[in-house]
Amino acid sequence: MEDTEGNALGAVTPLDALANVHRRRRQPQPSEAPSLNVADTEVELAYRDDYGHTGEDD
């Protein structure tokens, strides 16, 4: 097989459609979201680092 410029991409292997039907596939796993406070955005964290402000005394 070649790309549009004529460079070799590798050997082509025919698909075995019957074997492909019975192949075990991984089920998608739900991603675990990190547990952050709503106020723990990058901006809030930088603000706290710069000014020492916790946001709790507003």
PDB file of N, CA and C in Angstrom:
ATOM      1  N   MET A   1       0.852  -1.170   0.000  1.00  0.00           N
ATOM      2  CA  MET A   1       0.000   0.000   0.000  1.00  0.00           C
ATOM      3  C   MET A   1       0.899   1.235   0.000  1.00  0.00           C
ATOM      4  N   GLU A   2       0.467   2.257  -0.700  1.00  0.00           N
ATOM      5  CA  GLU A   2       1.247   3.488  -0.818  1.00  0.00           C
ATOM      6  C   GLU A   2       0.385   4.696  -0.471  1.00  0.00           C
ATOM      7  N   ASP A   3       1.063   5.775  -0.012  1.00  0.00           N
ATOM      8  CA  ASP A   3       0.336   7.018   0.230  1.00  0.00           C
ATOM      9  C   ASP A   3       0.236   7.808  -1.074  1.00  0.00           C
ATOM     10  N   THR A   4      -0.284   9.005  -1.010  1.00  0.00           N
ATOM     11  CA  THR A   4      -0.511   9.796  -2.228  1.00  0.00           C
ATOM     12  C   THR A   4       0.787  10.207  -2.911  1.00  0.00           C
ATOM     13  N   GLU A   5       1.909  10.177  -2.175  1.00  0.00           N
ATOM     14  CA  GLU A   5       3.195  10.541  -2.760  1.00  0.00           C
ATOM     15  C   GLU A   5       3.980   9.330  -3.261  1.00  0.00           C
ATOM     16  N   GLY A   6       3.422   8.139  -3.110  1.00  0.00           N
ATOM     17  CA  GLY A   6       4.074   6.929  -3.591  1.00  0.00           C
ATOM     18  C   GLY A   6       4.967   6.245  -2.568  1.00  0.00           C
ATOM     19  N   ASN A   7       4.993   6.725  -1.326  1.00  0.00           N
ATOM     20  CA  ASN A   7       5.802   6.095  -0.279  1.00  0.00           C
ATOM     21  C   ASN A   7       5.093   4.858   0.260  1.00  0.00           C
ATOM     22  N   ALA A   8       5.866   3.802   0.490  1.00  0.00           N
ATOM     23  CA  ALA A   8       5.291   2.557   0.997  1.00  0.00           C
ATOM     24  C   ALA A   8       4.801   2.735   2.425  1.00  0.00           C
ATOM     25  N   LEU A   9       3.589   2.273   2.710  1.00  0.00           N
ATOM     26  CA  LEU A   9       3.004   2.344   4.050  1.00  0.00           C
ATOM     27  C   LEU A   9       3.073   1.010   4.773  1.00  0.00           C
ATOM     28  N   GLY A  10       3.293  -0.059   4.071  1.00  0.00           N
ATOM     29  CA  GLY A  10       3.357  -1.378   4.681  1.00  0.00           C
ATOM     30  C   GLY A  10       2.510  -2.368   3.924  1.00  0.00           C
ATOM     31  N   ALA A  11       2.601  -3.616   4.357  1.00  0.00           N
ATOM     32  CA  ALA A  11       1.865  -4.686   3.696  1.00  0.00           C
ATOM     33  C   ALA A  11       0.382  -4.601   4.037  1.00  0.00           C
ATOM     34  N   VAL A  12      -0.444  -4.999   3.100  1.00  0.00           N
ATOM     35  CA  VAL A  12      -1.885  -5.027   3.297  1.00  0.00           C
ATOM     36  C   VAL A  12      -2.292  -6.445   3.628  1.00  0.00           C
ATOM     37  N   THR A  13      -3.095  -6.597   4.689  1.00  0.00           N
ATOM     38  CA  THR A  13      -3.575  -7.900   5.111  1.00  0.00           C
ATOM     39  C   THR A  13      -5.085  -7.936   4.919  1.00  0.00           C
ATOM     40  N   PRO A  14      -5.594  -8.944   4.217  1.00  0.00           N
ATOM     41  CA  PRO A  14      -7.051  -9.010   4.029  1.00  0.00           C
ATOM     42  C   PRO A  14      -7.757  -9.260   5.362  1.00  0.00           C
ATOM     43  N   LEU A  15      -8.942  -8.697   5.521  1.00  0.00           N
ATOM     44  CA  LEU A  15      -9.724  -8.844   6.729  1.00  0.00           C
ATOM     45  C   LEU A  15     -10.404 -10.201   6.750  1.00  0.00           C
ATOM     46  N   ASP A  16     -10.327 -10.879   7.883  1.00  0.00           N
ATOM     47  CA  ASP A  16     -11.067 -12.120   8.095  1.00  0.00           C
ATOM     48  C   ASP A  16     -12.378 -11.728   8.767  1.00  0.00           C
ATOM     49  N   ALA A  17     -13.419 -11.520   7.982  1.00  0.00           N
ATOM     50  CA  ALA A  17     -14.689 -11.004   8.482  1.00  0.00           C
ATOM     51  C   ALA A  17     -15.309 -11.923   9.529  1.00  0.00           C
ATOM     52  N   LEU A  18     -15.183 -13.226   9.383  1.00  0.00           N
ATOM     53  CA  LEU A  18     -15.766 -14.158  10.340  1.00  0.00           C
ATOM     54  C   LEU A  18     -15.054 -14.068  11.684  1.00  0.00           C
ATOM     55  N   ALA A  19     -13.739 -14.004  11.681  1.00  0.00           N
ATOM     56  CA  ALA A  19     -12.984 -13.883  12.928  1.00  0.00           C
ATOM     57  C   ALA A  19     -13.258 -12.532  13.585  1.00  0.00           C
ATOM     58  N   ASN A  20     -13.458 -11.503  12.799  1.00  0.00           N
ATOM     59  CA  ASN A  20     -13.699 -10.175  13.332  1.00  0.00           C
ATOM     60  C   ASN A  20     -15.049 -10.091  14.047  1.00  0.00           C
ATOM     61  N   VAL A  21     -16.025 -10.871  13.608  1.00  0.00           N
ATOM     62  CA  VAL A  21     -17.345 -10.854  14.224  1.00  0.00           C
ATOM     63  C   VAL A  21     -17.279 -11.391  15.653  1.00  0.00           C
ATOM     64  N   HIS A  22     -16.438 -12.378  15.909  1.00  0.00           N
ATOM     65  CA  HIS A  22     -16.389 -13.050  17.206  1.00  0.00           C
ATOM     66  C   HIS A  22     -15.296 -12.509  18.117  1.00  0.00           C
ATOM     67  N   ARG A  23     -14.679 -11.432  17.750  1.00  0.00           N
ATOM     68  CA  ARG A  23     -13.597 -10.860  18.550  1.00  0.00           C
ATOM     69  C   ARG A  23     -14.169 -10.242  19.820  1.00  0.00           C
ATOM     70  N   ARG A  24     -13.523 -10.524  20.967  1.00  0.00           N
ATOM     71  CA  ARG A  24     -13.935  -9.891  22.225  1.00  0.00           C
ATOM     72  C   ARG A  24     -13.462  -8.453  22.231  1.00  0.00           C
ATOM     73  N   ARG A  25     -14.348  -7.565  22.586  1.00  0.00           N
ATOM     74  CA  ARG A  25     -14.016  -6.142  22.640  1.00  0.00           C
ATOM     75  C   ARG A  25     -14.168  -5.633  24.063  1.00  0.00           C
ATOM     76  N   ARG A  26     -13.326  -4.659  24.394  1.00  0.00           N
ATOM     77  CA  ARG A  26     -13.423  -4.047  25.717  1.00  0.00           C
ATOM     78  C   ARG A  26     -14.645  -3.153  25.778  1.00  0.00           C
ATOM     79  N   GLN A  27     -15.324  -3.200  26.901  1.00  0.00           N
ATOM     80  CA  GLN A  27     -16.460  -2.319  27.124  1.00  0.00           C
ATOM     81  C   GLN A  27     -15.934  -0.976  27.632  1.00  0.00           C
ATOM     82  N   PRO A  28     -16.514   0.121  27.186  1.00  0.00           N
ATOM     83  CA  PRO A  28     -16.052   1.424  27.664  1.00  0.00           C
ATOM     84  C   PRO A  28     -16.297   1.564  29.168  1.00  0.00           C
ATOM     85  N   GLN A  29     -15.316   2.102  29.864  1.00  0.00           N
ATOM     86  CA  GLN A  29     -15.414   2.304  31.299  1.00  0.00           C
ATOM     87  C   GLN A  29     -15.714   3.779  31.560  1.00  0.00           C
ATOM     88  N   PRO A  30     -16.580   4.069  32.526  1.00  0.00           N
ATOM     89  CA  PRO A  30     -16.851   5.475  32.837  1.00  0.00           C
ATOM     90  C   PRO A  30     -15.605   6.125  33.422  1.00  0.00           C
ATOM     91  N   SER A  31     -15.352   7.345  33.003  1.00  0.00           N
ATOM     92  CA  SER A  31     -14.186   8.038  33.531  1.00  0.00           C
ATOM     93  C   SER A  31     -14.521   8.605  34.897  1.00  0.00           C
ATOM     94  N   GLU A  32     -13.539   8.602  35.772  1.00  0.00           N
ATOM     95  CA  GLU A  32     -13.736   9.144  37.104  1.00  0.00           C
ATOM     96  C   GLU A  32     -13.301  10.593  37.109  1.00  0.00           C
ATOM     97  N   ALA A  33     -14.235  11.464  37.394  1.00  0.00           N
ATOM     98  CA  ALA A  33     -13.924  12.889  37.444  1.00  0.00           C
ATOM     99  C   ALA A  33     -13.239  13.203  38.769  1.00  0.00           C
ATOM    100  N   PRO A  34     -12.225  14.045  38.734  1.00  0.00           N
ATOM    101  CA  PRO A  34     -11.571  14.420  39.994  1.00  0.00           C
ATOM    102  C   PRO A  34     -12.533  15.199  40.873  1.00  0.00           C
ATOM    103  N   SER A  35     -12.440  14.985  42.166  1.00  0.00           N
ATOM    104  CA  SER A  35     -13.338  15.677  43.082  1.00  0.00           C
ATOM    105  C   SER A  35     -12.725  17.018  43.476  1.00  0.00           C
ATOM    106  N   LEU A  36     -13.206  18.065  42.859  1.00  0.00           N
ATOM    107  CA  LEU A  36     -12.743  19.414  43.149  1.00  0.00           C
ATOM    108  C   LEU A  36     -13.920  20.258  43.612  1.00  0.00           C
ATOM    109  N   ASN A  37     -13.632  21.245  44.434  1.00  0.00           N
ATOM    110  CA  ASN A  37     -14.663  22.210  44.783  1.00  0.00           C
ATOM    111  C   ASN A  37     -14.978  23.040  43.557  1.00  0.00           C
ATOM    112  N   VAL A  38     -16.149  23.631  43.542  1.00  0.00           N
ATOM    113  CA  VAL A  38     -16.533  24.493  42.433  1.00  0.00           C
ATOM    114  C   VAL A  38     -15.557  25.654  42.319  1.00  0.00           C
ATOM    115  N   ALA A  39     -15.057  26.136  43.458  1.00  0.00           N
ATOM    116  CA  ALA A  39     -14.155  27.283  43.477  1.00  0.00           C
ATOM    117  C   ALA A  39     -12.717  26.899  43.124  1.00  0.00           C
ATOM    118  N   ASP A  40     -12.421  25.619  42.989  1.00  0.00           N
ATOM    119  CA  ASP A  40     -11.054  25.177  42.728  1.00  0.00           C
ATOM    120  C   ASP A  40     -10.720  25.172  41.244  1.00  0.00           C
ATOM    121  N   THR A  41     -10.983  26.262  40.575  1.00  0.00           N
ATOM    122  CA  THR A  41     -10.574  26.387  39.187  1.00  0.00           C
ATOM    123  C   THR A  41      -9.134  26.869  39.155  1.00  0.00           C
ATOM    124  N   GLU A  42      -8.518  26.823  38.019  1.00  0.00           N
ATOM    125  CA  GLU A  42      -7.135  27.295  37.888  1.00  0.00           C
ATOM    126  C   GLU A  42      -7.012  28.760  38.296  1.00  0.00           C
ATOM    127  N   VAL A  43      -8.023  29.542  37.947  1.00  0.00           N
ATOM    128  CA  VAL A  43      -8.004  30.970  38.280  1.00  0.00           C
ATOM    129  C   VAL A  43      -8.074  31.158  39.794  1.00  0.00           C
ATOM    130  N   GLU A  44      -8.975  30.419  40.442  1.00  0.00           N
ATOM    131  CA  GLU A  44      -9.104  30.531  41.892  1.00  0.00           C
ATOM    132  C   GLU A  44      -7.826  30.087  42.594  1.00  0.00           C
ATOM    133  N   LEU A  45      -7.231  29.000  42.144  1.00  0.00           N
ATOM    134  CA  LEU A  45      -5.996  28.525  42.762  1.00  0.00           C
ATOM    135  C   LEU A  45      -4.875  29.540  42.602  1.00  0.00           C
ATOM    136  N   ALA A  46      -4.763  30.143  41.433  1.00  0.00           N
ATOM    137  CA  ALA A  46      -3.738  31.164  41.209  1.00  0.00           C
ATOM    138  C   ALA A  46      -4.014  32.394  42.066  1.00  0.00           C
ATOM    139  N   TYR A  47      -5.273  32.768  42.189  1.00  0.00           N
ATOM    140  CA  TYR A  47      -5.644  33.922  43.008  1.00  0.00           C
ATOM    141  C   TYR A  47      -5.244  33.689  44.464  1.00  0.00           C
ATOM    142  N   ARG A  48      -5.525  32.482  44.970  1.00  0.00           N
ATOM    143  CA  ARG A  48      -5.157  32.152  46.347  1.00  0.00           C
ATOM    144  C   ARG A  48      -3.655  32.167  46.540  1.00  0.00           C
ATOM    145  N   ASP A  49      -2.916  31.636  45.556  1.00  0.00           N
ATOM    146  CA  ASP A  49      -1.457  31.634  45.655  1.00  0.00           C
ATOM    147  C   ASP A  49      -0.907  33.057  45.687  1.00  0.00           C
ATOM    148  N   ASP A  50      -1.464  33.927  44.867  1.00  0.00           N
ATOM    149  CA  ASP A  50      -0.954  35.299  44.772  1.00  0.00           C
ATOM    150  C   ASP A  50      -1.384  36.171  45.947  1.00  0.00           C
ATOM    151  N   TYR A  51      -2.636  36.031  46.384  1.00  0.00           N
ATOM    152  CA  TYR A  51      -3.173  36.964  47.365  1.00  0.00           C
ATOM    153  C   TYR A  51      -3.485  36.322  48.714  1.00  0.00           C
ATOM    154  N   GLY A  52      -3.370  35.003  48.819  1.00  0.00           N
ATOM    155  CA  GLY A  52      -3.664  34.347  50.077  1.00  0.00           C
ATOM    156  C   GLY A  52      -5.132  34.399  50.456  1.00  0.00           C
ATOM    157  N   HIS A  53      -5.993  34.588  49.484  1.00  0.00           N
ATOM    158  CA  HIS A  53      -7.426  34.731  49.702  1.00  0.00           C
ATOM    159  C   HIS A  53      -8.078  33.353  49.635  1.00  0.00           C
ATOM    160  N   THR A  54      -8.902  33.008  50.628  1.00  0.00           N
ATOM    161  CA  THR A  54      -9.573  31.717  50.630  1.00  0.00           C
ATOM    162  C   THR A  54     -10.969  31.787  50.064  1.00  0.00           C
ATOM    163  N   GLY A  55     -11.565  32.992  50.009  1.00  0.00           N
ATOM    164  CA  GLY A  55     -12.907  33.131  49.469  1.00  0.00           C
ATOM    165  C   GLY A  55     -13.989  32.840  50.478  1.00  0.00           C
ATOM    166  N   GLU A  56     -13.615  32.431  51.709  1.00  0.00           N
ATOM    167  CA  GLU A  56     -14.610  32.084  52.709  1.00  0.00           C
ATOM    168  C   GLU A  56     -15.047  33.289  53.536  1.00  0.00           C
ATOM    169  N   ASP A  57     -14.314  34.380  53.507  1.00  0.00           N
ATOM    170  CA  ASP A  57     -14.663  35.528  54.324  1.00  0.00           C
ATOM    171  C   ASP A  57     -15.393  36.611  53.534  1.00  0.00           C
ATOM    172  N   ASP A  58     -15.945  36.264  52.378  1.00  0.00           N
ATOM    173  CA  ASP A  58     -16.676  37.245  51.552  1.00  0.00           C
ATOM    174  C   ASP A  58     -18.030  37.528  52.105  1.00  0.00           C
TER     175      ASP A  58
END
